[in-house]
Amino acid sequence: MAGILYLCATPIGNLEDMTFRVLETLKSVDLIAAEDTRNSIKLLNHFEIKTPMTSYHEFNKFEKAETLIAKLKEGLNIALITDAGTPAISDPGEVLVKRAHEEGITVTSLPGCCALITALTLSGLSTRRFSFEGFLPSEKKDRREILDALKSEERTILLYEAPHHLKKTLEELHETLGDRKITLCRELTKKFEEVKVTTLSEVIAFYEANEPKGEYVLVVEGKSREERMAEEAKKFEELSLEDHMERYLNEGLDEKEAMKKVAKDRGISKRDVYRMLLERKN
């Protein structure tokens, strides 16, 4: 019988957020795979957990995953933990989870802390639909592609950012998205936790005078429906009325339906479309 891979969420700051279930699992498994053993040993020592530990991180995630899969196949139960929060969320653990499923190994997740969900609930922005981007890529081309894609994102956007990159990221977001609402969550669950509800322009001005400190989650307002409709109306305004009508007629719509569509696109009445077309014809 193969062992089980346990994904164990650990505190993102406050050690009292550790769940009883995770504590019992970390004590009972055969091995703990940790993103940074030097960091995780402090957590294990605090809770008097003596389980053997091995490193599993970004720079060994592929080869070490095979080693861990082999141990799981031998029947060992393994707990995967990240430096803070839930494994496999913006974390190399996703590689190990994928391989475990491919090998038919049972994977179970022990829920707990997750910085992005904690920040989202604190943000005051829409929580119904959201898009999580993690850390933006450092490579310029990839970074530009993602930022450009976010222009049309209507869901609430969540990003992780380190203090030494924060100013640049805020400026790029402002340049790309305009002056959106943003909630900055810093040092979540820790002593100096801070939640700043503001706008991109205001927070850029703030960090021109103040040095960023701690780890950040950025929660950015998505594009509003009104903004999207205004952009669409502007796009159609650049099209002549005749060409606009022709587009829908070519799609197989009759003149009445095409006129209705054109009116909706331009935010005017069908009667106005008919009148304008008649005037131009005459």
C-alpha atoms as a PDB file:
ATOM      1  CA  MET A   1       0.000   0.000   0.000  1.00  0.00           C
ATOM      2  CA  ALA A   2       1.311   3.420  -0.974  1.00  0.00           C
ATOM      3  CA  GLY A   3       1.493   6.140   1.631  1.00  0.00           C
ATOM      4  CA  ILE A   4      -0.521   9.356   1.719  1.00  0.00           C
ATOM      5  CA  LEU A   5       0.671  12.853   0.835  1.00  0.00           C
ATOM      6  CA  TYR A   6      -0.692  15.382   3.341  1.00  0.00           C
ATOM      7  CA  LEU A   7      -0.740  19.078   2.348  1.00  0.00           C
ATOM      8  CA  CYS A   8      -0.492  20.855   5.686  1.00  0.00           C
ATOM      9  CA  ALA A   9      -1.292  24.550   5.993  1.00  0.00           C
ATOM     10  CA  THR A  10       0.903  26.322   8.548  1.00  0.00           C
ATOM     11  CA  PRO A  11       0.550  29.792  10.142  1.00  0.00           C
ATOM     12  CA  ILE A  12       1.385  32.839   8.013  1.00  0.00           C
ATOM     13  CA  GLY A  13       2.507  34.726  11.104  1.00  0.00           C
ATOM     14  CA  ASN A  14       0.603  34.012  14.301  1.00  0.00           C
ATOM     15  CA  LEU A  15       1.519  30.545  15.616  1.00  0.00           C
ATOM     16  CA  GLU A  16      -1.855  30.255  17.361  1.00  0.00           C
ATOM     17  CA  ASP A  17      -3.417  29.777  13.921  1.00  0.00           C
ATOM     18  CA  MET A  18      -1.983  26.244  13.709  1.00  0.00           C
ATOM     19  CA  THR A  19      -4.831  23.691  13.595  1.00  0.00           C
ATOM     20  CA  PHE A  20      -5.036  20.637  15.872  1.00  0.00           C
ATOM     21  CA  ARG A  21      -5.376  18.376  12.841  1.00  0.00           C
ATOM     22  CA  VAL A  22      -2.153  19.663  11.257  1.00  0.00           C
ATOM     23  CA  LEU A  23      -0.305  19.266  14.580  1.00  0.00           C
ATOM     24  CA  GLU A  24      -1.387  15.652  14.914  1.00  0.00           C
ATOM     25  CA  THR A  25      -0.530  14.907  11.291  1.00  0.00           C
ATOM     26  CA  LEU A  26       2.955  16.433  11.510  1.00  0.00           C
ATOM     27  CA  LYS A  27       3.618  14.300  14.594  1.00  0.00           C
ATOM     28  CA  SER A  28       2.332  11.066  13.067  1.00  0.00           C
ATOM     29  CA  VAL A  29       3.721  11.059   9.498  1.00  0.00           C
ATOM     30  CA  ASP A  30       7.022   9.390   8.601  1.00  0.00           C
ATOM     31  CA  LEU A  31       8.557  12.433   6.943  1.00  0.00           C
ATOM     32  CA  ILE A  32       7.972  16.183   6.581  1.00  0.00           C
ATOM     33  CA  ALA A  33       8.962  17.847   3.285  1.00  0.00           C
ATOM     34  CA  ALA A  34       9.588  21.538   3.999  1.00  0.00           C
ATOM     35  CA  GLU A  35      10.306  24.471   1.718  1.00  0.00           C
ATOM     36  CA  ASP A  36      13.023  25.781   4.050  1.00  0.00           C
ATOM     37  CA  THR A  37      14.101  23.407   6.804  1.00  0.00           C
ATOM     38  CA  ARG A  38      15.896  26.229   8.664  1.00  0.00           C
ATOM     39  CA  ASN A  39      12.636  28.148   8.892  1.00  0.00           C
ATOM     40  CA  SER A  40      10.403  25.146   9.560  1.00  0.00           C
ATOM     41  CA  ILE A  41      12.558  23.758  12.385  1.00  0.00           C
ATOM     42  CA  LYS A  42      11.526  26.771  14.480  1.00  0.00           C
ATOM     43  CA  LEU A  43       7.870  25.862  13.949  1.00  0.00           C
ATOM     44  CA  LEU A  44       8.450  22.182  14.748  1.00  0.00           C
ATOM     45  CA  ASN A  45      10.470  22.991  17.857  1.00  0.00           C
ATOM     46  CA  HIS A  46       7.752  25.351  19.093  1.00  0.00           C
ATOM     47  CA  PHE A  47       5.195  22.538  18.970  1.00  0.00           C
ATOM     48  CA  GLU A  48       7.704  19.853  20.075  1.00  0.00           C
ATOM     49  CA  ILE A  49       7.424  17.889  16.828  1.00  0.00           C
ATOM     50  CA  LYS A  50      10.301  15.421  16.344  1.00  0.00           C
ATOM     51  CA  THR A  51       9.386  14.024  12.896  1.00  0.00           C
ATOM     52  CA  PRO A  52      12.325  13.812  10.431  1.00  0.00           C
ATOM     53  CA  MET A  53      12.413  16.599   7.862  1.00  0.00           C
ATOM     54  CA  THR A  54      13.755  16.974   4.315  1.00  0.00           C
ATOM     55  CA  SER A  55      13.983  19.980   2.006  1.00  0.00           C
ATOM     56  CA  TYR A  56      11.651  20.455  -0.960  1.00  0.00           C
ATOM     57  CA  HIS A  57      11.913  23.852  -2.658  1.00  0.00           C
ATOM     58  CA  GLU A  58      11.849  25.766  -5.950  1.00  0.00           C
ATOM     59  CA  PHE A  59      15.354  24.702  -6.968  1.00  0.00           C
ATOM     60  CA  ASN A  60      14.947  20.943  -6.437  1.00  0.00           C
ATOM     61  CA  LYS A  61      11.201  20.564  -7.018  1.00  0.00           C
ATOM     62  CA  PHE A  62      11.443  18.219 -10.015  1.00  0.00           C
ATOM     63  CA  GLU A  63      14.187  15.801  -8.965  1.00  0.00           C
ATOM     64  CA  LYS A  64      13.171  15.806  -5.274  1.00  0.00           C
ATOM     65  CA  ALA A  65       9.552  15.158  -6.244  1.00  0.00           C
ATOM     66  CA  GLU A  66      10.673  11.822  -7.745  1.00  0.00           C
ATOM     67  CA  THR A  67      12.509  10.935  -4.526  1.00  0.00           C
ATOM     68  CA  LEU A  68       9.419  11.696  -2.458  1.00  0.00           C
ATOM     69  CA  ILE A  69       7.145   9.802  -4.855  1.00  0.00           C
ATOM     70  CA  ALA A  70       9.399   6.739  -4.465  1.00  0.00           C
ATOM     71  CA  LYS A  71       9.127   6.982  -0.671  1.00  0.00           C
ATOM     72  CA  LEU A  72       5.327   7.314  -0.885  1.00  0.00           C
ATOM     73  CA  LYS A  73       5.227   4.196  -3.075  1.00  0.00           C
ATOM     74  CA  GLU A  74       7.207   2.358  -0.390  1.00  0.00           C
ATOM     75  CA  GLY A  75       4.380   3.134   2.037  1.00  0.00           C
ATOM     76  CA  LEU A  76       5.715   6.203   3.842  1.00  0.00           C
ATOM     77  CA  ASN A  77       3.258   8.935   4.781  1.00  0.00           C
ATOM     78  CA  ILE A  78       4.636  12.402   3.964  1.00  0.00           C
ATOM     79  CA  ALA A  79       3.481  15.859   5.063  1.00  0.00           C
ATOM     80  CA  LEU A  80       4.269  18.785   2.780  1.00  0.00           C
ATOM     81  CA  ILE A  81       4.626  22.227   4.354  1.00  0.00           C
ATOM     82  CA  THR A  82       5.596  25.589   2.920  1.00  0.00           C
ATOM     83  CA  ASP A  83       7.347  28.467   4.696  1.00  0.00           C
ATOM     84  CA  ALA A  84       3.965  29.933   5.586  1.00  0.00           C
ATOM     85  CA  GLY A  85       0.411  29.229   4.504  1.00  0.00           C
ATOM     86  CA  THR A  86      -0.990  26.524   2.253  1.00  0.00           C
ATOM     87  CA  PRO A  87       1.331  24.328   0.159  1.00  0.00           C
ATOM     88  CA  ALA A  88       0.977  24.424  -3.653  1.00  0.00           C
ATOM     89  CA  ILE A  89      -0.382  28.007  -3.648  1.00  0.00           C
ATOM     90  CA  SER A  90       2.293  30.044  -5.472  1.00  0.00           C
ATOM     91  CA  ASP A  91       4.591  27.286  -4.252  1.00  0.00           C
ATOM     92  CA  PRO A  92       6.654  24.369  -5.685  1.00  0.00           C
ATOM     93  CA  GLY A  93       4.301  21.923  -3.977  1.00  0.00           C
ATOM     94  CA  GLU A  94       2.072  21.932  -7.060  1.00  0.00           C
ATOM     95  CA  VAL A  95       4.691  19.822  -8.876  1.00  0.00           C
ATOM     96  CA  LEU A  96       4.670  17.130  -6.188  1.00  0.00           C
ATOM     97  CA  VAL A  97       0.864  17.073  -6.036  1.00  0.00           C
ATOM     98  CA  LYS A  98       0.654  16.632  -9.813  1.00  0.00           C
ATOM     99  CA  ARG A  99       3.146  13.746  -9.753  1.00  0.00           C
ATOM    100  CA  ALA A 100       1.325  12.073  -6.860  1.00  0.00           C
ATOM    101  CA  HIS A 101      -1.949  12.104  -8.799  1.00  0.00           C
ATOM    102  CA  GLU A 102      -0.186  10.742 -11.885  1.00  0.00           C
ATOM    103  CA  GLU A 103       1.129   7.836  -9.794  1.00  0.00           C
ATOM    104  CA  GLY A 104      -2.239   7.110  -8.194  1.00  0.00           C
ATOM    105  CA  ILE A 105      -1.067   8.204  -4.743  1.00  0.00           C
ATOM    106  CA  THR A 106      -3.673   9.544  -2.340  1.00  0.00           C
ATOM    107  CA  VAL A 107      -3.375  13.288  -1.679  1.00  0.00           C
ATOM    108  CA  THR A 108      -5.317  15.086   1.025  1.00  0.00           C
ATOM    109  CA  SER A 109      -5.281  18.759   2.025  1.00  0.00           C
ATOM    110  CA  LEU A 110      -5.524  19.928   5.622  1.00  0.00           C
ATOM    111  CA  PRO A 111      -7.026  23.431   5.373  1.00  0.00           C
ATOM    112  CA  GLY A 112      -5.738  26.386   7.304  1.00  0.00           C
ATOM    113  CA  CYS A 113      -4.014  29.704   6.696  1.00  0.00           C
ATOM    114  CA  CYS A 114      -3.741  31.165   3.206  1.00  0.00           C
ATOM    115  CA  ALA A 115      -2.506  34.735   2.733  1.00  0.00           C
ATOM    116  CA  LEU A 116      -4.526  35.430  -0.413  1.00  0.00           C
ATOM    117  CA  ILE A 117      -7.867  34.417   1.164  1.00  0.00           C
ATOM    118  CA  THR A 118      -7.060  36.307   4.379  1.00  0.00           C
ATOM    119  CA  ALA A 119      -6.273  39.452   2.352  1.00  0.00           C
ATOM    120  CA  LEU A 120      -9.331  39.092   0.125  1.00  0.00           C
ATOM    121  CA  THR A 121     -11.695  38.914   3.094  1.00  0.00           C
ATOM    122  CA  LEU A 122     -10.071  42.006   4.623  1.00  0.00           C
ATOM    123  CA  SER A 123      -9.997  44.052   1.419  1.00  0.00           C
ATOM    124  CA  GLY A 124     -13.499  45.497   1.272  1.00  0.00           C
ATOM    125  CA  LEU A 125     -13.492  44.727  -2.460  1.00  0.00           C
ATOM    126  CA  SER A 126     -15.688  42.186  -4.245  1.00  0.00           C
ATOM    127  CA  THR A 127     -15.058  38.642  -3.016  1.00  0.00           C
ATOM    128  CA  ARG A 128     -17.552  36.893  -5.310  1.00  0.00           C
ATOM    129  CA  ARG A 129     -15.086  36.434  -8.169  1.00  0.00           C
ATOM    130  CA  PHE A 130     -11.333  36.915  -8.060  1.00  0.00           C
ATOM    131  CA  SER A 131      -8.147  36.243 -10.021  1.00  0.00           C
ATOM    132  CA  PHE A 132      -4.953  35.241  -8.198  1.00  0.00           C
ATOM    133  CA  GLU A 133      -1.699  36.013 -10.018  1.00  0.00           C
ATOM    134  CA  GLY A 134       0.828  35.267  -7.253  1.00  0.00           C
ATOM    135  CA  PHE A 135       4.151  37.039  -7.857  1.00  0.00           C
ATOM    136  CA  LEU A 136       4.452  38.763 -11.233  1.00  0.00           C
ATOM    137  CA  PRO A 137       7.241  37.271 -13.403  1.00  0.00           C
ATOM    138  CA  SER A 138      10.618  38.979 -13.223  1.00  0.00           C
ATOM    139  CA  GLU A 139      11.211  38.513 -16.971  1.00  0.00           C
ATOM    140  CA  LYS A 140      10.140  41.748 -18.695  1.00  0.00           C
ATOM    141  CA  LYS A 141       8.220  40.206 -21.629  1.00  0.00           C
ATOM    142  CA  ASP A 142       6.233  37.757 -19.460  1.00  0.00           C
ATOM    143  CA  ARG A 143       5.500  40.487 -16.936  1.00  0.00           C
ATOM    144  CA  ARG A 144       4.206  42.834 -19.659  1.00  0.00           C
ATOM    145  CA  GLU A 145       1.925  40.119 -21.084  1.00  0.00           C
ATOM    146  CA  ILE A 146       0.291  39.466 -17.711  1.00  0.00           C
ATOM    147  CA  LEU A 147      -0.147  43.162 -16.933  1.00  0.00           C
ATOM    148  CA  ASP A 148      -1.730  43.739 -20.351  1.00  0.00           C
ATOM    149  CA  ALA A 149      -4.094  40.806 -19.767  1.00  0.00           C
ATOM    150  CA  LEU A 150      -5.156  42.327 -16.439  1.00  0.00           C
ATOM    151  CA  LYS A 151      -6.425  45.450 -18.228  1.00  0.00           C
ATOM    152  CA  SER A 152      -9.655  43.658 -19.125  1.00  0.00           C
ATOM    153  CA  GLU A 153      -9.926  41.610 -15.900  1.00  0.00           C
ATOM    154  CA  GLU A 154     -13.289  42.308 -14.259  1.00  0.00           C
ATOM    155  CA  ARG A 155     -12.664  40.091 -11.237  1.00  0.00           C
ATOM    156  CA  THR A 156     -10.833  41.317  -8.126  1.00  0.00           C
ATOM    157  CA  ILE A 157      -7.075  40.844  -8.688  1.00  0.00           C
ATOM    158  CA  LEU A 158      -4.699  39.485  -6.023  1.00  0.00           C
ATOM    159  CA  LEU A 159      -0.908  39.673  -6.186  1.00  0.00           C
ATOM    160  CA  TYR A 160       1.927  38.840  -3.818  1.00  0.00           C
ATOM    161  CA  GLU A 161       4.865  41.232  -3.584  1.00  0.00           C
ATOM    162  CA  ALA A 162       8.121  41.609  -1.659  1.00  0.00           C
ATOM    163  CA  PRO A 163       8.980  45.011  -0.131  1.00  0.00           C
ATOM    164  CA  HIS A 164      11.955  45.699  -2.425  1.00  0.00           C
ATOM    165  CA  HIS A 165       9.770  45.330  -5.554  1.00  0.00           C
ATOM    166  CA  LEU A 166       6.613  46.991  -4.244  1.00  0.00           C
ATOM    167  CA  LYS A 167       7.106  50.516  -5.617  1.00  0.00           C
ATOM    168  CA  LYS A 168       7.856  49.303  -9.136  1.00  0.00           C
ATOM    169  CA  THR A 169       4.852  46.976  -9.157  1.00  0.00           C
ATOM    170  CA  LEU A 170       2.473  49.688  -7.922  1.00  0.00           C
ATOM    171  CA  GLU A 171       3.712  52.083 -10.626  1.00  0.00           C
ATOM    172  CA  GLU A 172       3.274  49.426 -13.341  1.00  0.00           C
ATOM    173  CA  LEU A 173      -0.248  48.636 -12.130  1.00  0.00           C
ATOM    174  CA  HIS A 174      -1.172  52.335 -12.179  1.00  0.00           C
ATOM    175  CA  GLU A 175       0.297  52.786 -15.650  1.00  0.00           C
ATOM    176  CA  THR A 176      -1.530  49.734 -17.000  1.00  0.00           C
ATOM    177  CA  LEU A 177      -4.853  49.736 -15.138  1.00  0.00           C
ATOM    178  CA  GLY A 178      -5.348  53.410 -14.322  1.00  0.00           C
ATOM    179  CA  ASP A 179      -6.211  54.719 -10.867  1.00  0.00           C
ATOM    180  CA  ARG A 180      -8.021  51.710  -9.421  1.00  0.00           C
ATOM    181  CA  LYS A 181      -9.035  51.043  -5.825  1.00  0.00           C
ATOM    182  CA  ILE A 182      -6.493  48.886  -3.999  1.00  0.00           C
ATOM    183  CA  THR A 183      -6.173  47.338  -0.551  1.00  0.00           C
ATOM    184  CA  LEU A 184      -2.615  46.649   0.634  1.00  0.00           C
ATOM    185  CA  CYS A 185      -2.329  43.961   3.285  1.00  0.00           C
ATOM    186  CA  ARG A 186       1.015  43.840   5.060  1.00  0.00           C
ATOM    187  CA  GLU A 187       2.403  41.360   7.612  1.00  0.00           C
ATOM    188  CA  LEU A 188      -0.912  39.505   7.908  1.00  0.00           C
ATOM    189  CA  THR A 189      -1.664  37.987  11.361  1.00  0.00           C
ATOM    190  CA  LYS A 190       1.636  39.361  12.715  1.00  0.00           C
ATOM    191  CA  LYS A 191       2.253  42.042  15.343  1.00  0.00           C
ATOM    192  CA  PHE A 192       2.508  44.861  12.796  1.00  0.00           C
ATOM    193  CA  GLU A 193      -0.351  43.765  10.537  1.00  0.00           C
ATOM    194  CA  GLU A 194      -1.618  46.643   8.413  1.00  0.00           C
ATOM    195  CA  VAL A 195      -4.548  46.898   6.007  1.00  0.00           C
ATOM    196  CA  LYS A 196      -4.522  50.047   3.843  1.00  0.00           C
ATOM    197  CA  VAL A 197      -7.690  50.745   1.810  1.00  0.00           C
ATOM    198  CA  THR A 198      -6.724  53.330  -0.796  1.00  0.00           C
ATOM    199  CA  THR A 199      -6.148  53.955  -4.513  1.00  0.00           C
ATOM    200  CA  LEU A 200      -3.111  53.244  -6.663  1.00  0.00           C
ATOM    201  CA  SER A 201      -2.216  56.924  -7.020  1.00  0.00           C
ATOM    202  CA  GLU A 202      -2.519  57.559  -3.282  1.00  0.00           C
ATOM    203  CA  VAL A 203      -0.461  54.536  -2.275  1.00  0.00           C
ATOM    204  CA  ILE A 204       2.288  55.383  -4.793  1.00  0.00           C
ATOM    205  CA  ALA A 205       2.528  58.845  -3.199  1.00  0.00           C
ATOM    206  CA  PHE A 206       2.610  57.253   0.257  1.00  0.00           C
ATOM    207  CA  TYR A 207       5.556  54.995  -0.593  1.00  0.00           C
ATOM    208  CA  GLU A 208       7.484  57.847  -2.143  1.00  0.00           C
ATOM    209  CA  ALA A 209       7.803  59.147   1.428  1.00  0.00           C
ATOM    210  CA  ASN A 210       7.761  55.805   3.289  1.00  0.00           C
ATOM    211  CA  GLU A 211       9.913  52.722   2.777  1.00  0.00           C
ATOM    212  CA  PRO A 212       7.970  49.454   2.256  1.00  0.00           C
ATOM    213  CA  LYS A 213       8.436  46.884   5.025  1.00  0.00           C
ATOM    214  CA  GLY A 214       7.236  43.295   5.312  1.00  0.00           C
ATOM    215  CA  GLU A 215       5.483  40.964   2.899  1.00  0.00           C
ATOM    216  CA  TYR A 216       2.503  42.309   0.932  1.00  0.00           C
ATOM    217  CA  VAL A 217      -0.686  41.030  -0.628  1.00  0.00           C
ATOM    218  CA  LEU A 218      -2.156  43.502  -3.137  1.00  0.00           C
ATOM    219  CA  VAL A 219      -5.907  43.338  -3.696  1.00  0.00           C
ATOM    220  CA  VAL A 220      -6.856  45.411  -6.738  1.00  0.00           C
ATOM    221  CA  GLU A 221     -10.332  46.314  -7.975  1.00  0.00           C
ATOM    222  CA  GLY A 222     -11.261  44.694 -11.286  1.00  0.00           C
ATOM    223  CA  LYS A 223     -12.498  46.658 -14.285  1.00  0.00           C
ATOM    224  CA  SER A 224     -16.013  47.923 -13.632  1.00  0.00           C
ATOM    225  CA  ARG A 225     -18.925  47.104 -15.924  1.00  0.00           C
ATOM    226  CA  GLU A 226     -19.367  50.826 -16.607  1.00  0.00           C
ATOM    227  CA  GLU A 227     -15.718  51.165 -17.627  1.00  0.00           C
ATOM    228  CA  ARG A 228     -16.002  48.177 -19.954  1.00  0.00           C
ATOM    229  CA  MET A 229     -19.176  49.486 -21.577  1.00  0.00           C
ATOM    230  CA  ALA A 230     -17.620  52.940 -22.043  1.00  0.00           C
ATOM    231  CA  GLU A 231     -14.582  51.383 -23.745  1.00  0.00           C
ATOM    232  CA  GLU A 232     -16.802  49.281 -26.008  1.00  0.00           C
ATOM    233  CA  ALA A 233     -18.921  52.303 -26.929  1.00  0.00           C
ATOM    234  CA  LYS A 234     -15.786  54.297 -27.770  1.00  0.00           C
ATOM    235  CA  LYS A 235     -14.486  51.439 -29.927  1.00  0.00           C
ATOM    236  CA  PHE A 236     -17.744  51.325 -31.897  1.00  0.00           C
ATOM    237  CA  GLU A 237     -17.835  55.097 -32.258  1.00  0.00           C
ATOM    238  CA  GLU A 238     -14.629  54.843 -34.288  1.00  0.00           C
ATOM    239  CA  LEU A 239     -16.545  52.629 -36.709  1.00  0.00           C
ATOM    240  CA  SER A 240     -18.833  54.339 -39.216  1.00  0.00           C
ATOM    241  CA  LEU A 241     -22.529  53.657 -38.724  1.00  0.00           C
ATOM    242  CA  GLU A 242     -22.732  51.970 -42.119  1.00  0.00           C
ATOM    243  CA  ASP A 243     -19.762  49.685 -41.411  1.00  0.00           C
ATOM    244  CA  HIS A 244     -21.193  48.876 -38.009  1.00  0.00           C
ATOM    245  CA  MET A 245     -24.484  47.841 -39.601  1.00  0.00           C
ATOM    246  CA  GLU A 246     -22.655  45.885 -42.296  1.00  0.00           C
ATOM    247  CA  ARG A 247     -20.812  43.856 -39.652  1.00  0.00           C
ATOM    248  CA  TYR A 248     -24.077  42.481 -38.227  1.00  0.00           C
ATOM    249  CA  LEU A 249     -25.725  42.058 -41.611  1.00  0.00           C
ATOM    250  CA  ASN A 250     -22.760  39.927 -42.681  1.00  0.00           C
ATOM    251  CA  GLU A 251     -23.355  37.742 -39.627  1.00  0.00           C
ATOM    252  CA  GLY A 252     -26.798  36.892 -41.020  1.00  0.00           C
ATOM    253  CA  LEU A 253     -28.944  39.253 -38.940  1.00  0.00           C
ATOM    254  CA  ASP A 254     -31.839  41.021 -40.629  1.00  0.00           C
ATOM    255  CA  GLU A 255     -31.836  44.804 -40.803  1.00  0.00           C
ATOM    256  CA  LYS A 256     -34.114  45.234 -37.789  1.00  0.00           C
ATOM    257  CA  GLU A 257     -31.971  43.044 -35.529  1.00  0.00           C
ATOM    258  CA  ALA A 258     -28.734  44.597 -36.827  1.00  0.00           C
ATOM    259  CA  MET A 259     -30.092  48.049 -36.052  1.00  0.00           C
ATOM    260  CA  LYS A 260     -30.992  46.899 -32.531  1.00  0.00           C
ATOM    261  CA  LYS A 261     -27.463  45.580 -31.957  1.00  0.00           C
ATOM    262  CA  VAL A 262     -25.854  48.766 -33.269  1.00  0.00           C
ATOM    263  CA  ALA A 263     -28.045  50.879 -30.991  1.00  0.00           C
ATOM    264  CA  LYS A 264     -27.026  48.807 -27.956  1.00  0.00           C
ATOM    265  CA  ASP A 265     -23.320  48.951 -28.848  1.00  0.00           C
ATOM    266  CA  ARG A 266     -23.406  52.727 -29.181  1.00  0.00           C
ATOM    267  CA  GLY A 267     -25.654  53.419 -26.222  1.00  0.00           C
ATOM    268  CA  ILE A 268     -28.303  55.133 -28.335  1.00  0.00           C
ATOM    269  CA  SER A 269     -31.886  54.284 -29.334  1.00  0.00           C
ATOM    270  CA  LYS A 270     -32.813  52.192 -32.368  1.00  0.00           C
ATOM    271  CA  ARG A 271     -34.843  55.153 -33.603  1.00  0.00           C
ATOM    272  CA  ASP A 272     -31.666  57.307 -33.572  1.00  0.00           C
ATOM    273  CA  VAL A 273     -29.796  54.686 -35.602  1.00  0.00           C
ATOM    274  CA  TYR A 274     -32.622  54.574 -38.152  1.00  0.00           C
ATOM    275  CA  ARG A 275     -32.780  58.386 -38.362  1.00  0.00           C
ATOM    276  CA  MET A 276     -28.981  58.781 -38.768  1.00  0.00           C
ATOM    277  CA  LEU A 277     -28.816  56.106 -41.467  1.00  0.00           C
ATOM    278  CA  LEU A 278     -31.723  57.716 -43.332  1.00  0.00           C
ATOM    279  CA  GLU A 279     -30.132  61.176 -43.153  1.00  0.00           C
ATOM    280  CA  ARG A 280     -26.845  59.858 -44.544  1.00  0.00           C
ATOM    281  CA  LYS A 281     -28.648  58.003 -47.309  1.00  0.00           C
ATOM    282  CA  ASN A 282     -30.555  61.110 -48.344  1.00  0.00           C
END
